[in-house]
Amino acid sequence: SAAQDDRATEYDALTMHTREQIMDALDRQESDCVAYWNAFDTDAFFRRIGSSWSPAETVRHLSKSIRPVAKALTTPKIMLRVMFGKASRASMSYDDLVARYQNALAEGGQAGRFAPSAQSENDLEAWRGKIMESFTRASRDLRSAIPRWPERKLDLLQLPHPLIGKLTVREMLFFTLYHQRHHMAVVERHLREG
């Protein structure tokens, strides 16, 4: 399971709760992710791992899941409140959020509309560059949107998650951080299993 993968739990032990701590963790996460995905040669980057996604498809999935969070964080807060309501409970900790997501996956949760499309391009080097640029742009858009949120508002408003229901904005940021670690761990596990 993902809980057994060191990479997936790397941030669990950190004290990571404040807006600044989350932004710092997301910044380090982007660097770690880019280094990890760039370590694949181009053939391996586009090659499916057994019946699982290729690294390229995984990165496209991550970009597809980060973009709506970044967009939500730049949406007027009053609109988010009208669309998704106010949180009726305190934010979960990072570890509790991770456990909830792992339970949803164990119960058969899938990527659904956040799965990568079948899109492809002939020039793989150029296509790889576009995929990685899309990922870094989505990551940076998210990080640049977070300072618009005062600390207390991260716990006040909520956003919908397709597998685990309404999450506070803080919890959605925890999810975004963990989700990237989770997928690197999944790829590592599939590569080991051959």
N, C-alpha and C. Protein backbone atom coordinates (compact mmCIF):
# COMPACT_ATOMS: atom_id res chain seq x y z
N SER A 1 0.84 -1.19 0.00
CA SER A 1 0.00 0.00 0.00
C SER A 1 0.88 1.24 0.00
N ALA A 2 0.25 2.37 -0.30
CA ALA A 2 1.01 3.63 -0.34
C ALA A 2 1.61 3.94 1.02
N ALA A 3 0.95 3.50 2.09
CA ALA A 3 1.47 3.79 3.43
C ALA A 3 2.82 3.13 3.66
N GLN A 4 3.11 2.08 2.91
CA GLN A 4 4.38 1.38 3.09
C GLN A 4 5.52 2.04 2.33
N ASP A 5 5.19 2.98 1.46
CA ASP A 5 6.22 3.61 0.65
C ASP A 5 6.79 4.82 1.36
N ASP A 6 8.11 4.82 1.58
CA ASP A 6 8.75 5.93 2.27
C ASP A 6 8.46 7.26 1.61
N ARG A 7 8.51 7.26 0.28
CA ARG A 7 8.32 8.51 -0.45
C ARG A 7 6.93 9.09 -0.19
N ALA A 8 5.93 8.22 -0.06
CA ALA A 8 4.56 8.71 0.13
C ALA A 8 4.35 9.31 1.51
N THR A 9 5.17 8.94 2.47
CA THR A 9 4.95 9.42 3.84
C THR A 9 6.04 10.39 4.28
N GLU A 10 6.81 10.88 3.34
CA GLU A 10 7.96 11.72 3.67
C GLU A 10 7.59 12.96 4.48
N TYR A 11 6.41 13.56 4.22
CA TYR A 11 6.03 14.77 4.92
C TYR A 11 5.21 14.50 6.17
N ASP A 12 4.84 13.23 6.41
CA ASP A 12 3.96 12.92 7.54
C ASP A 12 4.51 13.42 8.87
N ALA A 13 5.80 13.29 9.07
CA ALA A 13 6.39 13.61 10.37
C ALA A 13 6.60 15.12 10.54
N LEU A 14 6.48 15.87 9.46
CA LEU A 14 6.72 17.31 9.57
C LEU A 14 5.58 17.99 10.31
N THR A 15 5.92 19.05 11.00
CA THR A 15 4.88 19.92 11.51
C THR A 15 4.52 20.81 10.34
N MET A 16 3.39 20.52 9.74
CA MET A 16 3.02 21.25 8.53
C MET A 16 1.56 21.63 8.64
N HIS A 17 1.33 22.81 9.14
CA HIS A 17 -0.05 23.21 9.29
C HIS A 17 -0.30 24.63 8.82
N THR A 18 0.61 25.55 9.09
CA THR A 18 0.35 26.95 8.73
C THR A 18 0.46 27.15 7.22
N ARG A 19 -0.09 28.26 6.79
CA ARG A 19 -0.05 28.60 5.37
C ARG A 19 1.39 28.61 4.86
N GLU A 20 2.28 29.23 5.63
CA GLU A 20 3.68 29.32 5.20
C GLU A 20 4.34 27.95 5.13
N GLN A 21 4.06 27.09 6.10
CA GLN A 21 4.62 25.74 6.09
C GLN A 21 4.11 24.95 4.89
N ILE A 22 2.84 25.11 4.57
CA ILE A 22 2.26 24.42 3.41
C ILE A 22 2.90 24.93 2.13
N MET A 23 3.04 26.26 2.02
CA MET A 23 3.66 26.82 0.81
C MET A 23 5.10 26.33 0.65
N ASP A 24 5.83 26.28 1.75
CA ASP A 24 7.21 25.80 1.71
C ASP A 24 7.25 24.33 1.28
N ALA A 25 6.35 23.52 1.84
CA ALA A 25 6.31 22.10 1.48
C ALA A 25 5.94 21.93 0.00
N LEU A 26 5.00 22.74 -0.50
CA LEU A 26 4.63 22.65 -1.92
C LEU A 26 5.78 23.06 -2.82
N ASP A 27 6.54 24.06 -2.39
CA ASP A 27 7.70 24.51 -3.16
C ASP A 27 8.74 23.38 -3.25
N ARG A 28 9.04 22.76 -2.11
CA ARG A 28 9.99 21.64 -2.11
C ARG A 28 9.43 20.46 -2.91
N GLN A 29 8.11 20.26 -2.80
CA GLN A 29 7.46 19.17 -3.52
C GLN A 29 7.65 19.33 -5.03
N GLU A 30 7.46 20.54 -5.52
CA GLU A 30 7.62 20.77 -6.96
C GLU A 30 9.04 20.43 -7.40
N SER A 31 10.03 20.88 -6.64
CA SER A 31 11.43 20.58 -6.98
C SER A 31 11.67 19.08 -6.98
N ASP A 32 11.17 18.39 -5.95
CA ASP A 32 11.34 16.93 -5.86
C ASP A 32 10.67 16.22 -7.04
N CYS A 33 9.46 16.66 -7.36
CA CYS A 33 8.73 16.04 -8.47
C CYS A 33 9.44 16.24 -9.80
N VAL A 34 9.82 17.48 -10.07
CA VAL A 34 10.49 17.76 -11.34
C VAL A 34 11.77 16.93 -11.46
N ALA A 35 12.55 16.86 -10.38
CA ALA A 35 13.78 16.06 -10.41
C ALA A 35 13.45 14.58 -10.64
N TYR A 36 12.41 14.09 -9.98
CA TYR A 36 12.03 12.68 -10.12
C TYR A 36 11.60 12.36 -11.56
N TRP A 37 10.68 13.16 -12.09
CA TRP A 37 10.17 12.86 -13.44
C TRP A 37 11.24 13.10 -14.50
N ASN A 38 12.11 14.08 -14.30
CA ASN A 38 13.17 14.36 -15.27
C ASN A 38 14.24 13.26 -15.29
N ALA A 39 14.30 12.43 -14.25
CA ALA A 39 15.30 11.36 -14.20
C ALA A 39 14.98 10.21 -15.16
N PHE A 40 13.75 10.14 -15.64
CA PHE A 40 13.38 9.10 -16.62
C PHE A 40 13.90 9.50 -17.98
N ASP A 41 14.47 8.55 -18.73
CA ASP A 41 14.77 8.89 -20.12
C ASP A 41 13.44 8.97 -20.86
N THR A 42 13.47 9.56 -22.05
CA THR A 42 12.21 9.85 -22.75
C THR A 42 11.40 8.60 -23.06
N ASP A 43 12.07 7.52 -23.47
CA ASP A 43 11.32 6.28 -23.74
C ASP A 43 10.60 5.80 -22.48
N ALA A 44 11.32 5.78 -21.36
CA ALA A 44 10.72 5.32 -20.10
C ALA A 44 9.63 6.27 -19.63
N PHE A 45 9.79 7.55 -19.90
CA PHE A 45 8.81 8.55 -19.48
C PHE A 45 7.44 8.27 -20.12
N PHE A 46 7.47 7.81 -21.37
CA PHE A 46 6.22 7.58 -22.10
C PHE A 46 5.76 6.12 -22.08
N ARG A 47 6.56 5.23 -21.53
CA ARG A 47 6.21 3.80 -21.53
C ARG A 47 5.30 3.47 -20.36
N ARG A 48 4.18 2.82 -20.65
CA ARG A 48 3.30 2.37 -19.58
C ARG A 48 4.03 1.35 -18.72
N ILE A 49 3.71 1.32 -17.44
CA ILE A 49 4.35 0.38 -16.52
C ILE A 49 3.34 -0.74 -16.28
N GLY A 50 3.50 -1.82 -17.03
CA GLY A 50 2.51 -2.89 -16.98
C GLY A 50 1.18 -2.35 -17.47
N SER A 51 0.13 -2.50 -16.68
CA SER A 51 -1.18 -1.98 -17.06
C SER A 51 -1.42 -0.59 -16.46
N SER A 52 -0.39 -0.05 -15.81
CA SER A 52 -0.54 1.26 -15.15
C SER A 52 -0.11 2.40 -16.06
N TRP A 53 -0.42 3.60 -15.62
CA TRP A 53 -0.03 4.79 -16.38
C TRP A 53 1.48 4.87 -16.54
N SER A 54 1.88 5.50 -17.63
CA SER A 54 3.29 5.85 -17.82
C SER A 54 3.61 7.03 -16.89
N PRO A 55 4.90 7.30 -16.65
CA PRO A 55 5.24 8.53 -15.91
C PRO A 55 4.62 9.77 -16.56
N ALA A 56 4.62 9.84 -17.88
CA ALA A 56 4.03 11.00 -18.57
C ALA A 56 2.55 11.14 -18.24
N GLU A 57 1.82 10.02 -18.27
CA GLU A 57 0.39 10.07 -17.95
C GLU A 57 0.18 10.47 -16.49
N THR A 58 1.06 9.99 -15.62
CA THR A 58 0.96 10.34 -14.21
C THR A 58 1.15 11.84 -14.01
N VAL A 59 2.15 12.43 -14.67
CA VAL A 59 2.39 13.87 -14.54
C VAL A 59 1.18 14.64 -15.09
N ARG A 60 0.61 14.17 -16.20
CA ARG A 60 -0.56 14.84 -16.77
C ARG A 60 -1.75 14.76 -15.80
N HIS A 61 -1.89 13.63 -15.12
CA HIS A 61 -2.94 13.49 -14.10
C HIS A 61 -2.71 14.48 -12.95
N LEU A 62 -1.47 14.61 -12.51
CA LEU A 62 -1.17 15.54 -11.42
C LEU A 62 -1.49 16.98 -11.83
N SER A 63 -1.10 17.36 -13.04
CA SER A 63 -1.41 18.72 -13.52
C SER A 63 -2.92 18.94 -13.56
N LYS A 64 -3.63 17.94 -14.04
CA LYS A 64 -5.09 18.02 -14.17
C LYS A 64 -5.77 18.14 -12.81
N SER A 65 -5.14 17.61 -11.78
CA SER A 65 -5.74 17.70 -10.44
C SER A 65 -5.31 18.97 -9.69
N ILE A 66 -4.16 19.54 -10.04
CA ILE A 66 -3.70 20.77 -9.39
C ILE A 66 -4.44 21.99 -9.94
N ARG A 67 -4.67 22.01 -11.27
CA ARG A 67 -5.25 23.20 -11.91
C ARG A 67 -6.57 23.66 -11.29
N PRO A 68 -7.54 22.76 -11.01
CA PRO A 68 -8.79 23.26 -10.43
C PRO A 68 -8.62 23.83 -9.02
N VAL A 69 -7.64 23.33 -8.27
CA VAL A 69 -7.38 23.87 -6.93
C VAL A 69 -6.83 25.28 -7.06
N ALA A 70 -5.88 25.46 -7.98
CA ALA A 70 -5.32 26.80 -8.21
C ALA A 70 -6.42 27.75 -8.67
N LYS A 71 -7.30 27.28 -9.56
CA LYS A 71 -8.39 28.13 -10.05
C LYS A 71 -9.33 28.49 -8.91
N ALA A 72 -9.67 27.53 -8.06
CA ALA A 72 -10.57 27.80 -6.93
C ALA A 72 -9.97 28.85 -6.01
N LEU A 73 -8.66 28.78 -5.78
CA LEU A 73 -8.02 29.71 -4.86
C LEU A 73 -7.94 31.13 -5.41
N THR A 74 -8.18 31.30 -6.72
CA THR A 74 -8.22 32.65 -7.29
C THR A 74 -9.66 33.11 -7.54
N THR A 75 -10.63 32.24 -7.23
CA THR A 75 -12.04 32.59 -7.36
C THR A 75 -12.44 33.44 -6.15
N PRO A 76 -13.28 34.47 -6.36
CA PRO A 76 -13.71 35.26 -5.19
C PRO A 76 -14.28 34.36 -4.09
N LYS A 77 -13.86 34.62 -2.87
CA LYS A 77 -14.24 33.76 -1.75
C LYS A 77 -15.75 33.68 -1.56
N ILE A 78 -16.44 34.78 -1.83
CA ILE A 78 -17.90 34.78 -1.69
C ILE A 78 -18.54 33.78 -2.66
N MET A 79 -17.95 33.66 -3.85
CA MET A 79 -18.47 32.69 -4.82
C MET A 79 -18.24 31.26 -4.34
N LEU A 80 -17.06 31.01 -3.78
CA LEU A 80 -16.80 29.66 -3.25
C LEU A 80 -17.78 29.33 -2.13
N ARG A 81 -18.06 30.34 -1.30
CA ARG A 81 -18.99 30.10 -0.19
C ARG A 81 -20.39 29.78 -0.72
N VAL A 82 -20.83 30.51 -1.74
CA VAL A 82 -22.15 30.25 -2.34
C VAL A 82 -22.17 28.86 -2.99
N MET A 83 -21.10 28.51 -3.71
CA MET A 83 -21.08 27.24 -4.45
C MET A 83 -20.90 26.03 -3.54
N PHE A 84 -20.03 26.14 -2.55
CA PHE A 84 -19.65 24.95 -1.78
C PHE A 84 -19.92 25.05 -0.27
N GLY A 85 -20.31 26.22 0.19
CA GLY A 85 -20.66 26.39 1.59
C GLY A 85 -19.47 26.63 2.49
N LYS A 86 -19.83 26.87 3.76
CA LYS A 86 -18.84 27.09 4.80
C LYS A 86 -18.54 25.76 5.48
N ALA A 87 -17.32 25.60 5.92
CA ALA A 87 -16.95 24.36 6.62
C ALA A 87 -17.73 24.28 7.93
N SER A 88 -18.19 23.07 8.25
CA SER A 88 -18.97 22.88 9.48
C SER A 88 -18.15 22.16 10.55
N ARG A 89 -16.85 22.03 10.30
CA ARG A 89 -15.98 21.32 11.25
C ARG A 89 -14.58 21.89 11.11
N ALA A 90 -13.72 21.57 12.06
CA ALA A 90 -12.32 22.00 11.99
C ALA A 90 -11.59 21.21 10.91
N SER A 91 -10.51 21.77 10.39
CA SER A 91 -9.70 21.05 9.40
C SER A 91 -9.04 19.82 10.04
N MET A 92 -8.99 18.74 9.26
CA MET A 92 -8.26 17.55 9.68
C MET A 92 -6.76 17.85 9.64
N SER A 93 -5.99 17.04 10.33
CA SER A 93 -4.54 17.12 10.22
C SER A 93 -4.12 16.50 8.87
N TYR A 94 -2.89 16.76 8.51
CA TYR A 94 -2.34 16.14 7.28
C TYR A 94 -2.45 14.62 7.35
N ASP A 95 -2.05 14.04 8.47
CA ASP A 95 -2.08 12.58 8.60
C ASP A 95 -3.50 12.02 8.49
N ASP A 96 -4.47 12.72 9.09
CA ASP A 96 -5.86 12.26 9.02
C ASP A 96 -6.39 12.35 7.58
N LEU A 97 -6.01 13.43 6.89
CA LEU A 97 -6.42 13.58 5.49
C LEU A 97 -5.84 12.43 4.65
N VAL A 98 -4.56 12.13 4.85
CA VAL A 98 -3.90 11.03 4.12
C VAL A 98 -4.63 9.71 4.39
N ALA A 99 -4.96 9.45 5.64
CA ALA A 99 -5.66 8.20 5.99
C ALA A 99 -7.02 8.14 5.30
N ARG A 100 -7.72 9.26 5.27
CA ARG A 100 -9.05 9.27 4.62
C ARG A 100 -8.93 8.99 3.12
N TYR A 101 -7.93 9.60 2.49
CA TYR A 101 -7.72 9.37 1.06
C TYR A 101 -7.31 7.92 0.79
N GLN A 102 -6.42 7.38 1.61
CA GLN A 102 -6.01 5.97 1.42
C GLN A 102 -7.19 5.03 1.60
N ASN A 103 -8.09 5.34 2.53
CA ASN A 103 -9.29 4.53 2.69
C ASN A 103 -10.17 4.58 1.45
N ALA A 104 -10.31 5.78 0.87
CA ALA A 104 -11.11 5.93 -0.35
C ALA A 104 -10.51 5.11 -1.49
N LEU A 105 -9.18 5.11 -1.60
CA LEU A 105 -8.52 4.31 -2.64
C LEU A 105 -8.72 2.82 -2.37
N ALA A 106 -8.60 2.42 -1.11
CA ALA A 106 -8.76 1.00 -0.74
C ALA A 106 -10.18 0.52 -1.06
N GLU A 107 -11.13 1.44 -1.02
CA GLU A 107 -12.52 1.09 -1.33
C GLU A 107 -12.81 1.16 -2.82
N GLY A 108 -11.75 1.34 -3.64
CA GLY A 108 -11.91 1.32 -5.09
C GLY A 108 -11.97 2.67 -5.77
N GLY A 109 -11.63 3.73 -5.04
CA GLY A 109 -11.64 5.07 -5.64
C GLY A 109 -10.72 5.15 -6.85
N GLN A 110 -11.19 5.83 -7.89
CA GLN A 110 -10.45 5.98 -9.15
C GLN A 110 -10.29 7.45 -9.51
N ALA A 111 -9.43 7.72 -10.49
CA ALA A 111 -9.16 9.10 -10.91
C ALA A 111 -10.34 9.72 -11.64
N GLY A 112 -11.18 8.91 -12.28
CA GLY A 112 -12.36 9.44 -12.97
C GLY A 112 -12.00 10.49 -14.00
N ARG A 113 -12.67 11.64 -13.90
CA ARG A 113 -12.44 12.70 -14.91
C ARG A 113 -11.07 13.33 -14.79
N PHE A 114 -10.33 12.98 -13.75
CA PHE A 114 -8.96 13.51 -13.61
C PHE A 114 -7.91 12.57 -14.21
N ALA A 115 -8.37 11.47 -14.81
CA ALA A 115 -7.44 10.57 -15.52
C ALA A 115 -6.90 11.31 -16.74
N PRO A 116 -5.67 11.01 -17.15
CA PRO A 116 -5.13 11.68 -18.34
C PRO A 116 -5.85 11.21 -19.59
N SER A 117 -6.02 12.12 -20.54
CA SER A 117 -6.65 11.76 -21.82
C SER A 117 -5.67 10.91 -22.63
N ALA A 118 -6.16 10.39 -23.74
CA ALA A 118 -5.32 9.56 -24.62
C ALA A 118 -4.45 10.41 -25.54
N GLN A 119 -4.41 11.70 -25.31
CA GLN A 119 -3.65 12.62 -26.16
C GLN A 119 -2.19 12.20 -26.30
N SER A 120 -1.64 12.40 -27.49
CA SER A 120 -0.23 12.12 -27.73
C SER A 120 0.28 13.04 -28.83
N GLU A 121 1.57 13.15 -28.95
CA GLU A 121 2.18 13.95 -30.03
C GLU A 121 3.34 13.17 -30.61
N ASN A 122 3.67 13.46 -31.88
CA ASN A 122 4.72 12.70 -32.57
C ASN A 122 6.12 13.00 -32.04
N ASP A 123 6.41 14.26 -31.77
CA ASP A 123 7.73 14.65 -31.27
C ASP A 123 7.74 14.47 -29.75
N LEU A 124 8.25 13.33 -29.29
CA LEU A 124 8.17 13.00 -27.88
C LEU A 124 8.96 13.95 -26.99
N GLU A 125 10.10 14.41 -27.47
CA GLU A 125 10.90 15.35 -26.66
C GLU A 125 10.12 16.64 -26.43
N ALA A 126 9.51 17.16 -27.50
CA ALA A 126 8.72 18.40 -27.39
C ALA A 126 7.49 18.17 -26.51
N TRP A 127 6.85 17.04 -26.68
CA TRP A 127 5.66 16.68 -25.91
C TRP A 127 6.02 16.57 -24.42
N ARG A 128 7.16 15.96 -24.15
CA ARG A 128 7.62 15.85 -22.76
C ARG A 128 7.83 17.24 -22.17
N GLY A 129 8.47 18.11 -22.93
CA GLY A 129 8.68 19.49 -22.46
C GLY A 129 7.36 20.18 -22.13
N LYS A 130 6.35 19.99 -22.97
CA LYS A 130 5.03 20.60 -22.72
C LYS A 130 4.38 20.03 -21.46
N ILE A 131 4.51 18.72 -21.27
CA ILE A 131 3.92 18.06 -20.09
C ILE A 131 4.55 18.61 -18.81
N MET A 132 5.87 18.71 -18.81
CA MET A 132 6.56 19.19 -17.61
C MET A 132 6.30 20.68 -17.39
N GLU A 133 6.22 21.45 -18.46
CA GLU A 133 5.93 22.88 -18.35
C GLU A 133 4.52 23.07 -17.78
N SER A 134 3.58 22.26 -18.21
CA SER A 134 2.21 22.34 -17.71
C SER A 134 2.17 22.03 -16.22
N PHE A 135 2.96 21.04 -15.80
CA PHE A 135 3.02 20.68 -14.38
C PHE A 135 3.61 21.82 -13.55
N THR A 136 4.75 22.38 -13.99
CA THR A 136 5.37 23.43 -13.20
C THR A 136 4.50 24.69 -13.18
N ARG A 137 3.83 24.97 -14.30
CA ARG A 137 2.94 26.14 -14.33
C ARG A 137 1.77 25.96 -13.36
N ALA A 138 1.15 24.77 -13.36
CA ALA A 138 0.04 24.50 -12.44
C ALA A 138 0.51 24.61 -10.99
N SER A 139 1.69 24.06 -10.69
CA SER A 139 2.23 24.10 -9.33
C SER A 139 2.49 25.54 -8.89
N ARG A 140 3.06 26.33 -9.79
CA ARG A 140 3.38 27.72 -9.44
C ARG A 140 2.11 28.56 -9.33
N ASP A 141 1.13 28.30 -10.20
CA ASP A 141 -0.16 29.01 -10.10
C ASP A 141 -0.80 28.75 -8.74
N LEU A 142 -0.72 27.50 -8.29
CA LEU A 142 -1.29 27.16 -6.98
C LEU A 142 -0.56 27.92 -5.88
N ARG A 143 0.76 27.85 -5.88
CA ARG A 143 1.54 28.50 -4.82
C ARG A 143 1.32 30.01 -4.83
N SER A 144 1.21 30.61 -6.00
CA SER A 144 1.03 32.06 -6.06
C SER A 144 -0.37 32.48 -5.60
N ALA A 145 -1.34 31.56 -5.62
CA ALA A 145 -2.70 31.87 -5.18
C ALA A 145 -2.85 31.79 -3.66
N ILE A 146 -2.01 31.01 -3.00
CA ILE A 146 -2.19 30.76 -1.56
C ILE A 146 -2.05 32.03 -0.71
N PRO A 147 -1.11 32.95 -1.02
CA PRO A 147 -0.98 34.14 -0.17
C PRO A 147 -2.24 35.02 -0.14
N ARG A 148 -3.16 34.84 -1.09
CA ARG A 148 -4.42 35.59 -1.07
C ARG A 148 -5.33 35.15 0.07
N TRP A 149 -4.97 34.02 0.68
CA TRP A 149 -5.82 33.43 1.71
C TRP A 149 -5.27 33.69 3.10
N PRO A 150 -5.98 34.50 3.91
CA PRO A 150 -5.55 34.65 5.30
C PRO A 150 -5.62 33.28 5.99
N GLU A 151 -4.80 33.10 6.99
CA GLU A 151 -4.70 31.80 7.67
C GLU A 151 -6.07 31.24 8.06
N ARG A 152 -6.93 32.03 8.70
CA ARG A 152 -8.20 31.51 9.20
C ARG A 152 -9.16 31.11 8.08
N LYS A 153 -9.04 31.76 6.91
CA LYS A 153 -9.95 31.43 5.80
C LYS A 153 -9.66 30.05 5.23
N LEU A 154 -8.45 29.54 5.45
CA LEU A 154 -8.13 28.20 4.96
C LEU A 154 -9.01 27.14 5.63
N ASP A 155 -9.51 27.46 6.82
CA ASP A 155 -10.36 26.53 7.56
C ASP A 155 -11.84 26.88 7.45
N LEU A 156 -12.15 28.02 6.88
CA LEU A 156 -13.52 28.53 6.86
C LEU A 156 -14.30 28.04 5.64
N LEU A 157 -13.63 28.03 4.49
CA LEU A 157 -14.32 27.65 3.25
C LEU A 157 -13.90 26.26 2.83
N GLN A 158 -14.73 25.65 1.97
CA GLN A 158 -14.46 24.27 1.57
C GLN A 158 -14.59 24.12 0.05
N LEU A 159 -13.99 23.06 -0.43
CA LEU A 159 -13.98 22.72 -1.85
C LEU A 159 -14.36 21.24 -1.99
N PRO A 160 -14.95 20.87 -3.12
CA PRO A 160 -15.34 19.46 -3.29
C PRO A 160 -14.17 18.60 -3.79
N HIS A 161 -14.02 17.44 -3.19
CA HIS A 161 -13.05 16.46 -3.68
C HIS A 161 -13.86 15.28 -4.22
N PRO A 162 -13.53 14.78 -5.41
CA PRO A 162 -14.37 13.73 -6.02
C PRO A 162 -14.43 12.41 -5.26
N LEU A 163 -13.42 12.12 -4.44
CA LEU A 163 -13.42 10.85 -3.71
C LEU A 163 -13.75 10.98 -2.24
N ILE A 164 -13.38 12.09 -1.63
CA ILE A 164 -13.52 12.18 -0.17
C ILE A 164 -14.41 13.32 0.28
N GLY A 165 -15.20 13.87 -0.64
CA GLY A 165 -16.20 14.86 -0.25
C GLY A 165 -15.63 16.25 -0.02
N LYS A 166 -16.38 17.05 0.71
CA LYS A 166 -15.99 18.44 0.94
C LYS A 166 -14.78 18.50 1.86
N LEU A 167 -13.79 19.27 1.43
CA LEU A 167 -12.57 19.48 2.22
C LEU A 167 -12.40 20.96 2.45
N THR A 168 -11.88 21.33 3.61
CA THR A 168 -11.52 22.74 3.79
C THR A 168 -10.39 23.06 2.81
N VAL A 169 -10.18 24.33 2.57
CA VAL A 169 -9.10 24.73 1.66
C VAL A 169 -7.77 24.20 2.19
N ARG A 170 -7.56 24.26 3.51
CA ARG A 170 -6.31 23.73 4.08
C ARG A 170 -6.17 22.24 3.76
N GLU A 171 -7.25 21.49 3.95
CA GLU A 171 -7.22 20.05 3.66
C GLU A 171 -6.96 19.78 2.18
N MET A 172 -7.51 20.61 1.30
CA MET A 172 -7.28 20.43 -0.14
C MET A 172 -5.81 20.66 -0.46
N LEU A 173 -5.18 21.59 0.23
CA LEU A 173 -3.74 21.81 0.03
C LEU A 173 -2.95 20.61 0.57
N PHE A 174 -3.37 20.07 1.71
CA PHE A 174 -2.73 18.84 2.21
C PHE A 174 -2.87 17.73 1.17
N PHE A 175 -4.07 17.60 0.62
CA PHE A 175 -4.30 16.55 -0.37
C PHE A 175 -3.37 16.74 -1.58
N THR A 176 -3.30 17.96 -2.07
CA THR A 176 -2.47 18.23 -3.26
C THR A 176 -1.02 17.85 -3.00
N LEU A 177 -0.55 18.16 -1.82
CA LEU A 177 0.82 17.81 -1.46
C LEU A 177 1.00 16.29 -1.39
N TYR A 178 0.12 15.62 -0.69
CA TYR A 178 0.24 14.17 -0.55
C TYR A 178 0.05 13.45 -1.88
N HIS A 179 -0.88 13.92 -2.67
CA HIS A 179 -1.23 13.26 -3.93
C HIS A 179 -0.01 13.11 -4.84
N GLN A 180 0.83 14.13 -4.88
CA GLN A 180 2.03 14.06 -5.71
C GLN A 180 3.00 13.01 -5.17
N ARG A 181 3.19 12.99 -3.85
CA ARG A 181 4.04 11.97 -3.21
C ARG A 181 3.49 10.57 -3.47
N HIS A 182 2.19 10.45 -3.33
CA HIS A 182 1.51 9.16 -3.54
C HIS A 182 1.81 8.62 -4.94
N HIS A 183 1.70 9.47 -5.95
CA HIS A 183 1.89 8.99 -7.31
C HIS A 183 3.35 8.66 -7.62
N MET A 184 4.28 9.38 -7.04
CA MET A 184 5.69 8.99 -7.21
C MET A 184 5.91 7.62 -6.57
N ALA A 185 5.31 7.39 -5.41
CA ALA A 185 5.45 6.10 -4.72
C ALA A 185 4.81 4.97 -5.54
N VAL A 186 3.67 5.25 -6.16
CA VAL A 186 2.99 4.23 -6.98
C VAL A 186 3.88 3.84 -8.16
N VAL A 187 4.44 4.84 -8.83
CA VAL A 187 5.34 4.55 -9.96
C VAL A 187 6.53 3.73 -9.49
N GLU A 188 7.14 4.13 -8.38
CA GLU A 188 8.28 3.37 -7.83
C GLU A 188 7.90 1.92 -7.55
N ARG A 189 6.73 1.73 -6.95
CA ARG A 189 6.28 0.39 -6.61
C ARG A 189 6.06 -0.44 -7.87
N HIS A 190 5.42 0.14 -8.87
CA HIS A 190 5.18 -0.59 -10.12
C HIS A 190 6.47 -0.92 -10.84
N LEU A 191 7.44 -0.01 -10.78
CA LEU A 191 8.75 -0.29 -11.41
C LEU A 191 9.44 -1.44 -10.70
N ARG A 192 9.36 -1.47 -9.37
CA ARG A 192 9.97 -2.58 -8.60
C ARG A 192 9.28 -3.90 -8.91
N GLU A 193 7.97 -3.85 -9.04
CA GLU A 193 7.22 -5.09 -9.29
C GLU A 193 7.38 -5.57 -10.72
N GLY A 194 7.88 -4.67 -11.58
CA GLY A 194 8.18 -5.04 -12.96
C GLY A 194 6.95 -5.21 -13.79
